[in-house]
Amino acid sequence: MVTVIAVIVTLLVAGVSLLGGTGAQARRAGVDLLVGMVEQARTAAITSRSYVVLAVAEPNDLPAGDTRVRLGLFMVEPDKWPDDPSTGIVSAALMSRWRVFENGVILIPGQVYGLDNPMDGGGELTLAYGSGSKARTVKVNALVFNPRGGLHHPVGSSPLGMRVAEGGYRAGVPKPNIRSDSNAISENRLKIGRVTARAYRTDG
């Protein structure tokens, strides 16, 4: 009996460790994807001499039918960028297919060491793209890069912060997982500069 119990406990511990490792790996993959997309958007803005939008679509933003976060890159010609993009619709061209976070990985609101987070709503844009039967209008949180490779939107002078966490969506609201042992959120944090809009991890 003791041997059987010991085997069961060992299997349970191994299972929990495996699941925790899988969640951490998915989160790290999400961080890598976000960092890569920021750099891709910045480079595209410089080479095309246009505004490039990195759009963050949460489950309710697109008719995808799942609970995964999507990232998309859109190009806006310089003469089509509005003076105040928060008050109207921005006409844009989707540069490539939406990239998808793995299940169980979300972007969450909340400041990062005092830095504003575009997921708090300050970076919302309404984008119109496609044509004919494929025409779409979508409201998303977004980062916009100017033709010099700097961060143009959300407006401000300080860097921005973003948080990639393990968790899911409940009633359309992101809910991060909280560790029972430390009451901490399983997350990684990023800082994105203004003049040179590159993303850097701030948590080691």
Protein backbone atom coordinates (compact mmCIF):
# COMPACT_ATOMS: atom_id res chain seq x y z
CA MET A 1 0.00 0.00 0.00
CA VAL A 2 2.80 2.42 0.91
CA THR A 3 4.56 1.64 -2.36
CA VAL A 4 1.39 2.28 -4.37
CA ILE A 5 0.83 5.62 -2.62
CA ALA A 6 4.45 6.62 -3.23
CA VAL A 7 4.11 5.84 -6.93
CA ILE A 8 0.87 7.85 -7.18
CA VAL A 9 2.44 10.85 -5.41
CA THR A 10 5.46 10.69 -7.73
CA LEU A 11 3.23 10.64 -10.81
CA LEU A 12 1.17 13.58 -9.52
CA VAL A 13 4.29 15.66 -8.82
CA ALA A 14 5.70 14.82 -12.25
CA GLY A 15 2.38 15.76 -13.87
CA VAL A 16 2.20 19.12 -12.10
CA SER A 17 5.82 19.87 -13.04
CA LEU A 18 5.17 18.94 -16.65
CA LEU A 19 2.08 21.14 -16.85
CA GLY A 20 3.90 24.05 -15.20
CA GLY A 21 6.80 23.67 -17.61
CA THR A 22 4.44 23.61 -20.58
CA GLY A 23 2.76 26.83 -19.43
CA ALA A 24 6.11 28.55 -18.89
CA GLN A 25 7.35 27.43 -22.31
CA ALA A 26 4.19 28.74 -23.98
CA ARG A 27 4.59 32.06 -22.16
CA ARG A 28 8.22 32.35 -23.25
CA ALA A 29 7.15 31.59 -26.83
CA GLY A 30 4.59 34.39 -26.51
CA VAL A 31 7.27 36.80 -25.31
CA ASP A 32 9.52 35.85 -28.22
CA LEU A 33 6.65 36.33 -30.67
CA LEU A 34 5.77 39.76 -29.29
CA VAL A 35 9.40 40.94 -29.28
CA GLY A 36 9.85 39.68 -32.83
CA MET A 37 6.67 41.38 -34.04
CA VAL A 38 7.73 44.70 -32.47
CA GLU A 39 11.07 44.52 -34.29
CA GLN A 40 9.38 43.49 -37.55
CA ALA A 41 6.94 46.40 -37.30
CA ARG A 42 9.72 48.86 -36.55
CA THR A 43 11.86 47.65 -39.46
CA ALA A 44 8.91 47.67 -41.88
CA ALA A 45 8.06 51.25 -40.91
CA ILE A 46 11.61 52.39 -41.66
CA THR A 47 12.02 50.51 -44.95
CA SER A 48 8.57 51.43 -46.31
CA ARG A 49 8.65 54.99 -44.94
CA SER A 50 5.11 54.44 -43.72
CA TYR A 51 3.27 54.01 -40.45
CA VAL A 52 3.06 50.39 -39.33
CA VAL A 53 0.48 49.22 -36.80
CA LEU A 54 1.08 46.25 -34.52
CA ALA A 55 -2.49 45.28 -33.65
CA VAL A 56 -3.38 43.12 -30.66
CA ALA A 57 -6.69 41.33 -31.23
CA GLU A 58 -8.27 39.70 -28.21
CA PRO A 59 -10.89 36.92 -28.59
CA ASN A 60 -13.88 39.26 -28.89
CA ASP A 61 -12.17 41.52 -31.45
CA LEU A 62 -12.19 39.03 -34.35
CA PRO A 63 -14.70 36.36 -35.40
CA ALA A 64 -12.11 33.63 -34.88
CA GLY A 65 -14.25 31.49 -32.60
CA ASP A 66 -11.52 30.71 -30.06
CA THR A 67 -9.91 32.28 -27.00
CA ARG A 68 -6.46 33.04 -28.36
CA VAL A 69 -4.69 36.40 -28.73
CA ARG A 70 -3.65 37.40 -32.26
CA LEU A 71 -1.04 39.88 -33.49
CA GLY A 72 -1.27 41.55 -36.88
CA LEU A 73 0.84 44.04 -38.83
CA PHE A 74 -0.85 46.78 -40.89
CA MET A 75 0.64 49.45 -43.12
CA VAL A 76 -0.77 52.98 -43.35
CA GLU A 77 0.47 55.43 -45.99
CA PRO A 78 1.91 58.62 -44.42
CA ASP A 79 -0.70 60.87 -46.05
CA LYS A 80 -3.52 58.63 -44.76
CA TRP A 81 -2.54 58.76 -41.11
CA PRO A 82 -5.18 60.87 -39.28
CA ASP A 83 -4.31 63.70 -36.92
CA ASP A 84 -6.32 62.02 -34.17
CA PRO A 85 -6.66 58.27 -34.87
CA SER A 86 -8.67 57.68 -31.70
CA THR A 87 -11.69 59.54 -33.10
CA GLY A 88 -12.21 57.72 -36.41
CA ILE A 89 -11.37 54.76 -38.60
CA VAL A 90 -7.84 54.23 -39.89
CA SER A 91 -7.63 52.76 -43.40
CA ALA A 92 -4.84 50.19 -43.45
CA ALA A 93 -3.47 47.22 -45.40
CA LEU A 94 -2.87 43.91 -43.64
CA MET A 95 0.76 43.00 -44.32
CA SER A 96 0.61 39.28 -43.49
CA ARG A 97 -1.54 36.73 -41.73
CA TRP A 98 -2.39 37.22 -38.08
CA ARG A 99 0.07 35.48 -35.75
CA VAL A 100 -1.46 33.54 -32.85
CA PHE A 101 -0.40 33.07 -29.23
CA GLU A 102 -0.56 29.55 -27.89
CA ASN A 103 -3.53 28.56 -25.75
CA GLY A 104 -3.13 29.69 -22.16
CA VAL A 105 -1.06 32.81 -22.99
CA ILE A 106 -2.58 36.28 -22.72
CA LEU A 107 -1.61 39.96 -22.67
CA ILE A 108 -2.83 41.63 -19.50
CA PRO A 109 -3.38 45.27 -18.48
CA GLY A 110 -1.56 47.06 -15.68
CA GLN A 111 1.49 49.31 -15.51
CA VAL A 112 5.00 47.90 -15.76
CA TYR A 113 7.21 49.60 -13.16
CA GLY A 114 5.23 52.82 -13.57
CA LEU A 115 5.11 52.65 -17.40
CA ASP A 116 1.77 52.85 -19.20
CA ASN A 117 0.49 49.67 -20.82
CA PRO A 118 -1.34 49.91 -24.19
CA MET A 119 -3.59 47.05 -23.03
CA ASP A 120 -5.17 49.47 -20.54
CA GLY A 121 -7.11 51.02 -23.43
CA GLY A 122 -4.93 54.03 -24.24
CA GLY A 123 -3.75 52.42 -27.46
CA GLU A 124 -7.12 51.55 -28.99
CA LEU A 125 -7.55 52.03 -32.75
CA THR A 126 -10.29 51.14 -35.22
CA LEU A 127 -8.77 49.68 -38.38
CA ALA A 128 -10.50 49.15 -41.73
CA TYR A 129 -8.80 46.74 -44.12
CA GLY A 130 -9.54 44.38 -47.00
CA SER A 131 -12.05 44.93 -49.78
CA GLY A 132 -15.25 43.48 -51.15
CA SER A 133 -16.52 40.47 -49.23
CA LYS A 134 -13.28 40.39 -47.24
CA ALA A 135 -13.60 43.96 -45.94
CA ARG A 136 -13.19 44.12 -42.17
CA THR A 137 -13.38 46.76 -39.46
CA VAL A 138 -11.82 45.85 -36.15
CA LYS A 139 -11.19 47.72 -32.91
CA VAL A 140 -7.93 46.66 -31.28
CA ASN A 141 -5.24 47.76 -28.89
CA ALA A 142 -2.24 48.82 -30.94
CA LEU A 143 1.29 50.10 -31.15
CA VAL A 144 2.09 52.35 -34.12
CA PHE A 145 5.61 52.89 -35.46
CA ASN A 146 6.53 55.98 -37.48
CA PRO A 147 8.73 56.07 -40.62
CA ARG A 148 11.78 56.79 -38.43
CA GLY A 149 11.26 53.64 -36.37
CA GLY A 150 9.98 55.43 -33.30
CA LEU A 151 6.83 54.78 -31.31
CA HIS A 152 4.07 57.08 -32.60
CA HIS A 153 0.98 55.74 -30.82
CA PRO A 154 -0.14 55.65 -28.03
CA VAL A 155 0.89 59.27 -27.71
CA GLY A 156 3.37 60.19 -24.98
CA SER A 157 7.01 60.76 -24.17
CA SER A 158 7.72 57.83 -21.84
CA PRO A 159 8.39 54.21 -22.85
CA LEU A 160 5.55 51.68 -22.68
CA GLY A 161 5.32 48.40 -20.82
CA MET A 162 3.58 45.15 -21.73
CA ARG A 163 2.79 42.01 -19.73
CA VAL A 164 2.68 38.48 -21.15
CA ALA A 165 1.04 36.07 -18.72
CA GLU A 166 -0.30 32.56 -18.38
CA GLY A 167 -4.08 32.57 -18.14
CA GLY A 168 -7.27 32.71 -20.15
CA TYR A 169 -10.40 34.71 -20.90
CA ARG A 170 -13.61 34.75 -18.89
CA ALA A 171 -16.53 36.68 -20.36
CA GLY A 172 -14.03 38.41 -22.66
CA VAL A 173 -11.80 39.59 -19.79
CA PRO A 174 -8.19 38.36 -19.49
CA LYS A 175 -7.64 36.46 -16.24
CA PRO A 176 -4.02 35.59 -15.38
CA ASN A 177 -3.07 32.49 -13.45
CA ILE A 178 -1.97 33.19 -9.88
CA ARG A 179 0.53 30.94 -8.12
CA SER A 180 -0.92 29.45 -4.96
CA ASP A 181 2.45 29.38 -3.20
CA SER A 182 3.36 33.07 -3.69
CA ASN A 183 0.10 34.70 -4.86
CA ALA A 184 2.09 36.03 -7.85
CA ILE A 185 1.11 36.13 -11.51
CA SER A 186 3.05 33.88 -13.89
CA GLU A 187 4.21 36.57 -16.31
CA ASN A 188 7.03 38.29 -18.18
CA ARG A 189 7.29 42.04 -18.60
CA LEU A 190 8.55 44.10 -21.52
CA LYS A 191 9.65 47.70 -21.95
CA ILE A 192 9.29 49.38 -25.36
CA GLY A 193 11.25 52.56 -26.03
CA ARG A 194 9.97 55.69 -27.72
CA VAL A 195 12.72 56.99 -30.01
CA THR A 196 14.11 53.56 -30.85
CA ALA A 197 11.04 51.40 -30.42
CA ARG A 198 12.60 48.09 -29.48
CA ALA A 199 11.20 45.71 -26.86
CA TYR A 200 13.34 44.59 -23.92
CA ARG A 201 12.52 42.16 -21.13
CA THR A 202 12.59 43.83 -17.73
CA ASP A 203 12.43 40.64 -15.66
CA GLY A 204 15.78 39.08 -16.51
